[in-house]
Amino acid sequence: SSKHPESSGDFGEKGFTTRCVMLAEHEELWAHVAARIRQQPGSRHSFSAGSVSVPPPPKPVARGEDEDAIGCKRRWPAERLEQLLFSLPAATLYPDLTQRIGPILHNWFERFSSCVWSRLVKIADSGVGRTHQLPRVLKEFNESAPVLARLLEWLREGLSDDQRAVDIVDLCSGFGFLAMFASELAPLGSVDCIYLVDHSWPNPSNGSSGLISTAHIYDSGPWRIPLRTLKIDLGKGGDIRGLARHVLGDARPTLLLGIHLCGVLSLRACQLFNDAVAGGFGVTCLMLAPCCLPTQQHAKRRFIYEVGGYRFGAKELRDTVDGQRGAFDSYTEHLLACLATSDKRREVIQIQTWGSHHMGEVRKGRNSKKEERRDVFLTALAPFHHAGDALDSGGF
């Protein structure tokens, strides 16, 4: 998951989104984004959906490539990853989906350079990935499996109903594993583009190198469904308005995905969904897996959150009495209440629990110690509505 620093912005009547004036550098950023998305066919990063059905040939090892990376690729061939793949909880809960991942890993092994491959198989440094010594690519697949399974189900239904292709926005994408798997798995013709949104991506228009290399996105051959990286901080109102104008504003259905968003970023995702639906920006879905509570500083300063007409305090999350609902359980219930739609639900899917896998809807007031394992998934749906020329990103 993408780790973002907590933001202690202005928590006012409109919620917590800071209402700041768009700076000139933001205008420059989004002019660059719009131009990049509209690149002519044949340009380096311009790929049409469905134009490639098989991966490109293996990328040759560059002269002088890091010996550690080369050794890492030898130690972690696709066959070894595939053996571990079927030991994951996802293999029990989503066997058909897991079966489709093996060939993808083999294709990536042939496609990516040793340097890129070493980033995929680096042992995860947090959660069950660390305790079970899992390569990052397997840890991230396992944690995103519930969202991928639901996403693919909806995309197949959309194709059968002759619905138009959708855009997908991967919020706080980090390295981009969720988007990468979605690009390989989604039915051709069902998705126009997948946007990877994170504050750590580079932004060439202002000289920002970023914290995450894009070599696996742009320098390793075309993706089956196009991927686009966008340097966006969900904690900045100007960035959110830019996202609304240049991505959500396209006249097609848009699905918002957020896996393990930290702290108040889950609240910001809920507000983004609410504002996009209310403003007629064509957003039809949010799938959200919160990661953790807002920072304790918010509780000390007695922050009050207001999203979707629903209010709750940061302090009450930290004052949960033992024996009642846990703090994280309570937080996810509040998040569900913040979503301004009647078509929503909260589920606990024990995707990170080895040997004790469980799926089921959790209703308000139900007590369960397993809920504190934080395998909570929120889903919100809304009918497609696009306001056309009446769109106004000022409402974000």
Foldseek 3Di string as FASTA:
>chain_A
DFDDDFDPACQDPAWRAHQDDADPVLVLLLVVVLCVQPDDPPDQQDDWAQPDQAFDFADDADPPPDPVLVVLLVVDPLVNLLVVLCQFLCCVVPVVLSVVVSVVSNRCSRQDYSVVVCQQQQQDDDDLSNVVRGGNLSVVCLQCVVVLVVVQVVLVVCVVVVAAAEEEEEASQVQNSNVQSCLNPHDTRNHGEYEYEHQQPARVSVPRRGDHDCCVQRVRGATNHHYHYGNADLNHLNRLLSCLVRPLQPQHAYEYEYGADEACVLVSQLQSQQLCQVLQSRYFKYKYQHRDHHDCVQLVVFDWGAAQNDIDTSVVLVVDDPPFAHSLRVVVVSSQVRRNAPPKFKWAFPSSDRPDTDTDGDDPPDDDPVVVVRRMMMMDGDDTGHPPPSGDSSSD
